[in-house]
Amino acid sequence: MPAHILKDLLIRIGLALGAGVLISIVPVALRNGRYAPSTFRRVFLFTLAGAALIGFFIYSYFLVAPHFASSTHEPAPVVYPLPPAIP
């Protein structure tokens, strides 16, 4: 396997693992925040869950955005030369 393909493959696997870790923080933080005895800890865990969820959406947008065209590029109109003037 060529080195550049292996590098791209490993980068994609690493990015997918990063997204998985980021999204797995949300249910754990929500579950622990629900039963936390301290109000400060509860607020911290709910804030952590919200930040992880927002971070996951931003992260997934940056992973997916290069695969979609950002705007429709219309080709320039074709300009034909004027026909010669008939005397």
N, C-alpha and C. Protein backbone atom coordinates (compact mmCIF):
# COMPACT_ATOMS: atom_id res chain seq x y z
N MET A 1 0.86 -1.17 0.00
CA MET A 1 0.00 0.00 0.00
C MET A 1 0.91 1.24 0.00
N PRO A 2 0.63 2.17 -0.89
CA PRO A 2 1.45 3.39 -0.93
C PRO A 2 1.34 4.18 0.38
N ALA A 3 2.40 4.90 0.68
CA ALA A 3 2.47 5.61 1.96
C ALA A 3 1.39 6.67 2.11
N HIS A 4 1.07 7.39 1.03
CA HIS A 4 0.07 8.46 1.16
C HIS A 4 -1.32 7.90 1.41
N ILE A 5 -1.63 6.72 0.85
CA ILE A 5 -2.94 6.12 1.10
C ILE A 5 -3.01 5.61 2.54
N LEU A 6 -1.93 5.02 3.02
CA LEU A 6 -1.89 4.55 4.41
C LEU A 6 -2.02 5.73 5.38
N LYS A 7 -1.36 6.83 5.07
CA LYS A 7 -1.45 8.02 5.92
C LYS A 7 -2.88 8.55 5.95
N ASP A 8 -3.54 8.66 4.79
CA ASP A 8 -4.92 9.13 4.75
C ASP A 8 -5.85 8.19 5.51
N LEU A 9 -5.61 6.89 5.38
CA LEU A 9 -6.43 5.91 6.08
C LEU A 9 -6.28 6.04 7.59
N LEU A 10 -5.05 6.18 8.06
CA LEU A 10 -4.83 6.32 9.50
C LEU A 10 -5.37 7.64 10.03
N ILE A 11 -5.30 8.70 9.23
CA ILE A 11 -5.88 9.99 9.66
C ILE A 11 -7.38 9.87 9.80
N ARG A 12 -8.03 9.21 8.84
CA ARG A 12 -9.49 9.06 8.92
C ARG A 12 -9.90 8.20 10.11
N ILE A 13 -9.13 7.14 10.38
CA ILE A 13 -9.44 6.30 11.54
C ILE A 13 -9.27 7.11 12.82
N GLY A 14 -8.21 7.90 12.91
CA GLY A 14 -7.99 8.73 14.09
C GLY A 14 -9.07 9.77 14.29
N LEU A 15 -9.51 10.40 13.20
CA LEU A 15 -10.58 11.39 13.31
C LEU A 15 -11.89 10.75 13.73
N ALA A 16 -12.17 9.55 13.21
CA ALA A 16 -13.39 8.85 13.61
C ALA A 16 -13.34 8.45 15.08
N LEU A 17 -12.18 8.01 15.54
CA LEU A 17 -12.04 7.67 16.96
C LEU A 17 -12.20 8.92 17.83
N GLY A 18 -11.67 10.04 17.39
CA GLY A 18 -11.84 11.29 18.13
C GLY A 18 -13.30 11.69 18.22
N ALA A 19 -14.04 11.53 17.13
CA ALA A 19 -15.46 11.85 17.15
C ALA A 19 -16.21 10.90 18.07
N GLY A 20 -15.82 9.63 18.08
CA GLY A 20 -16.47 8.66 18.97
C GLY A 20 -16.24 8.97 20.43
N VAL A 21 -15.02 9.37 20.77
CA VAL A 21 -14.73 9.73 22.16
C VAL A 21 -15.51 10.98 22.55
N LEU A 22 -15.58 11.94 21.65
CA LEU A 22 -16.29 13.19 21.95
C LEU A 22 -17.78 12.95 22.17
N ILE A 23 -18.40 12.10 21.35
CA ILE A 23 -19.84 11.87 21.51
C ILE A 23 -20.12 10.93 22.68
N SER A 24 -19.14 10.11 23.07
CA SER A 24 -19.38 9.21 24.21
C SER A 24 -19.33 9.95 25.54
N ILE A 25 -18.80 11.15 25.57
CA ILE A 25 -18.77 11.93 26.81
C ILE A 25 -20.19 12.36 27.21
N VAL A 26 -21.05 12.59 26.22
CA VAL A 26 -22.38 13.17 26.49
C VAL A 26 -23.24 12.28 27.39
N PRO A 27 -23.50 11.00 27.05
CA PRO A 27 -24.38 10.23 27.94
C PRO A 27 -23.77 9.96 29.32
N VAL A 28 -22.45 9.80 29.38
CA VAL A 28 -21.81 9.56 30.67
C VAL A 28 -21.95 10.79 31.56
N ALA A 29 -21.71 11.97 31.00
CA ALA A 29 -21.82 13.20 31.79
C ALA A 29 -23.27 13.46 32.20
N LEU A 30 -24.22 13.16 31.31
CA LEU A 30 -25.63 13.37 31.67
C LEU A 30 -26.06 12.42 32.79
N ARG A 31 -25.65 11.16 32.69
CA ARG A 31 -26.02 10.20 33.73
C ARG A 31 -25.39 10.55 35.07
N ASN A 32 -24.11 10.91 35.05
CA ASN A 32 -23.45 11.27 36.31
C ASN A 32 -23.97 12.59 36.85
N GLY A 33 -24.34 13.51 35.98
CA GLY A 33 -24.86 14.79 36.43
C GLY A 33 -26.24 14.69 37.05
N ARG A 34 -27.00 13.71 36.63
CA ARG A 34 -28.35 13.56 37.17
C ARG A 34 -28.33 13.15 38.63
N TYR A 35 -27.34 12.35 39.01
CA TYR A 35 -27.30 11.83 40.38
C TYR A 35 -26.19 12.44 41.22
N ALA A 36 -25.59 13.51 40.76
CA ALA A 36 -24.51 14.15 41.53
C ALA A 36 -25.10 14.87 42.74
N PRO A 37 -24.51 14.67 43.92
CA PRO A 37 -25.06 15.32 45.12
C PRO A 37 -24.76 16.81 45.18
N SER A 38 -23.66 17.24 44.59
CA SER A 38 -23.26 18.64 44.65
C SER A 38 -23.87 19.41 43.48
N THR A 39 -24.38 20.58 43.76
CA THR A 39 -24.96 21.41 42.70
C THR A 39 -23.88 21.87 41.73
N PHE A 40 -22.72 22.24 42.25
CA PHE A 40 -21.63 22.68 41.38
C PHE A 40 -21.21 21.55 40.43
N ARG A 41 -21.09 20.33 40.96
CA ARG A 41 -20.70 19.19 40.12
C ARG A 41 -21.78 18.91 39.07
N ARG A 42 -23.04 19.02 39.45
CA ARG A 42 -24.14 18.78 38.52
C ARG A 42 -24.11 19.79 37.38
N VAL A 43 -23.94 21.07 37.71
CA VAL A 43 -23.87 22.11 36.67
C VAL A 43 -22.65 21.89 35.78
N PHE A 44 -21.52 21.53 36.40
CA PHE A 44 -20.31 21.27 35.62
C PHE A 44 -20.52 20.11 34.64
N LEU A 45 -21.13 19.03 35.09
CA LEU A 45 -21.31 17.87 34.21
C LEU A 45 -22.31 18.16 33.09
N PHE A 46 -23.38 18.89 33.40
CA PHE A 46 -24.33 19.24 32.34
C PHE A 46 -23.69 20.20 31.33
N THR A 47 -22.86 21.12 31.81
CA THR A 47 -22.14 22.02 30.90
C THR A 47 -21.15 21.24 30.05
N LEU A 48 -20.47 20.27 30.66
CA LEU A 48 -19.55 19.42 29.91
C LEU A 48 -20.28 18.63 28.84
N ALA A 49 -21.45 18.10 29.16
CA ALA A 49 -22.23 17.35 28.18
C ALA A 49 -22.67 18.25 27.03
N GLY A 50 -23.12 19.44 27.35
CA GLY A 50 -23.53 20.38 26.29
C GLY A 50 -22.36 20.80 25.42
N ALA A 51 -21.22 21.08 26.05
CA ALA A 51 -20.04 21.48 25.28
C ALA A 51 -19.55 20.34 24.40
N ALA A 52 -19.60 19.10 24.90
CA ALA A 52 -19.17 17.95 24.10
C ALA A 52 -20.11 17.74 22.92
N LEU A 53 -21.41 17.94 23.13
CA LEU A 53 -22.37 17.78 22.04
C LEU A 53 -22.18 18.85 20.97
N ILE A 54 -22.01 20.09 21.40
CA ILE A 54 -21.77 21.18 20.44
C ILE A 54 -20.44 20.96 19.73
N GLY A 55 -19.43 20.54 20.48
CA GLY A 55 -18.13 20.25 19.86
C GLY A 55 -18.21 19.13 18.85
N PHE A 56 -19.02 18.11 19.15
CA PHE A 56 -19.19 17.01 18.20
C PHE A 56 -19.83 17.49 16.91
N PHE A 57 -20.85 18.35 17.01
CA PHE A 57 -21.51 18.86 15.80
C PHE A 57 -20.56 19.72 14.98
N ILE A 58 -19.78 20.55 15.62
CA ILE A 58 -18.81 21.38 14.90
C ILE A 58 -17.73 20.50 14.26
N TYR A 59 -17.25 19.52 15.01
CA TYR A 59 -16.23 18.60 14.53
C TYR A 59 -16.74 17.80 13.34
N SER A 60 -17.98 17.31 13.43
CA SER A 60 -18.53 16.53 12.31
C SER A 60 -18.77 17.41 11.10
N TYR A 61 -19.11 18.69 11.31
CA TYR A 61 -19.28 19.59 10.17
C TYR A 61 -17.96 19.76 9.42
N PHE A 62 -16.88 19.96 10.17
CA PHE A 62 -15.58 20.14 9.52
C PHE A 62 -15.08 18.86 8.87
N LEU A 63 -15.52 17.70 9.35
CA LEU A 63 -15.14 16.45 8.70
C LEU A 63 -15.92 16.22 7.42
N VAL A 64 -17.17 16.65 7.39
CA VAL A 64 -18.04 16.36 6.25
C VAL A 64 -18.04 17.48 5.23
N ALA A 65 -17.79 18.71 5.64
CA ALA A 65 -17.90 19.87 4.75
C ALA A 65 -17.04 19.79 3.49
N PRO A 66 -15.82 19.26 3.53
CA PRO A 66 -15.03 19.22 2.29
C PRO A 66 -15.64 18.33 1.21
N HIS A 67 -16.56 17.44 1.57
CA HIS A 67 -17.13 16.53 0.59
C HIS A 67 -18.35 17.11 -0.12
N PHE A 68 -18.79 18.30 0.28
CA PHE A 68 -19.94 18.93 -0.34
C PHE A 68 -19.51 20.26 -0.96
N ALA A 69 -20.08 20.57 -2.10
CA ALA A 69 -19.76 21.85 -2.75
C ALA A 69 -20.37 22.98 -1.92
N SER A 70 -19.58 24.01 -1.68
CA SER A 70 -20.07 25.11 -0.85
C SER A 70 -21.01 26.02 -1.63
N SER A 71 -20.83 26.13 -2.92
CA SER A 71 -21.74 26.93 -3.73
C SER A 71 -21.77 26.34 -5.13
N THR A 72 -22.81 26.67 -5.83
CA THR A 72 -22.92 26.16 -7.20
C THR A 72 -22.12 27.07 -8.11
N HIS A 73 -21.17 26.50 -8.78
CA HIS A 73 -20.34 27.27 -9.69
C HIS A 73 -20.93 27.13 -11.09
N GLU A 74 -21.41 28.23 -11.60
CA GLU A 74 -21.95 28.22 -12.96
C GLU A 74 -20.82 28.56 -13.91
N PRO A 75 -20.75 27.82 -15.00
CA PRO A 75 -19.69 28.15 -15.96
C PRO A 75 -19.94 29.51 -16.60
N ALA A 76 -18.87 30.12 -17.04
CA ALA A 76 -19.01 31.42 -17.71
C ALA A 76 -19.79 31.23 -19.00
N PRO A 77 -20.63 32.20 -19.33
CA PRO A 77 -21.40 32.06 -20.57
C PRO A 77 -20.47 32.06 -21.78
N VAL A 78 -20.87 31.29 -22.77
CA VAL A 78 -20.08 31.19 -23.99
C VAL A 78 -20.36 32.42 -24.84
N VAL A 79 -19.31 33.10 -25.25
CA VAL A 79 -19.44 34.30 -26.07
C VAL A 79 -18.97 33.94 -27.47
N TYR A 80 -19.89 34.03 -28.41
CA TYR A 80 -19.56 33.73 -29.79
C TYR A 80 -19.15 35.02 -30.49
N PRO A 81 -18.24 34.93 -31.45
CA PRO A 81 -17.87 36.15 -32.18
C PRO A 81 -19.05 36.63 -33.03
N LEU A 82 -19.09 37.93 -33.24
CA LEU A 82 -20.17 38.49 -34.06
C LEU A 82 -19.97 38.07 -35.51
N PRO A 83 -21.07 37.82 -36.20
CA PRO A 83 -20.92 37.47 -37.63
C PRO A 83 -20.45 38.70 -38.41
N PRO A 84 -19.76 38.47 -39.49
CA PRO A 84 -19.31 39.63 -40.28
C PRO A 84 -20.49 40.43 -40.82
N ALA A 85 -20.30 41.73 -40.89
CA ALA A 85 -21.37 42.61 -41.39
C ALA A 85 -21.54 42.40 -42.89
N ILE A 86 -22.76 42.31 -43.33
CA ILE A 86 -23.06 42.13 -44.76
C ILE A 86 -23.21 43.53 -45.38
N PRO A 87 -22.42 43.80 -46.45
CA PRO A 87 -22.52 45.15 -47.05
C PRO A 87 -23.79 45.37 -47.82
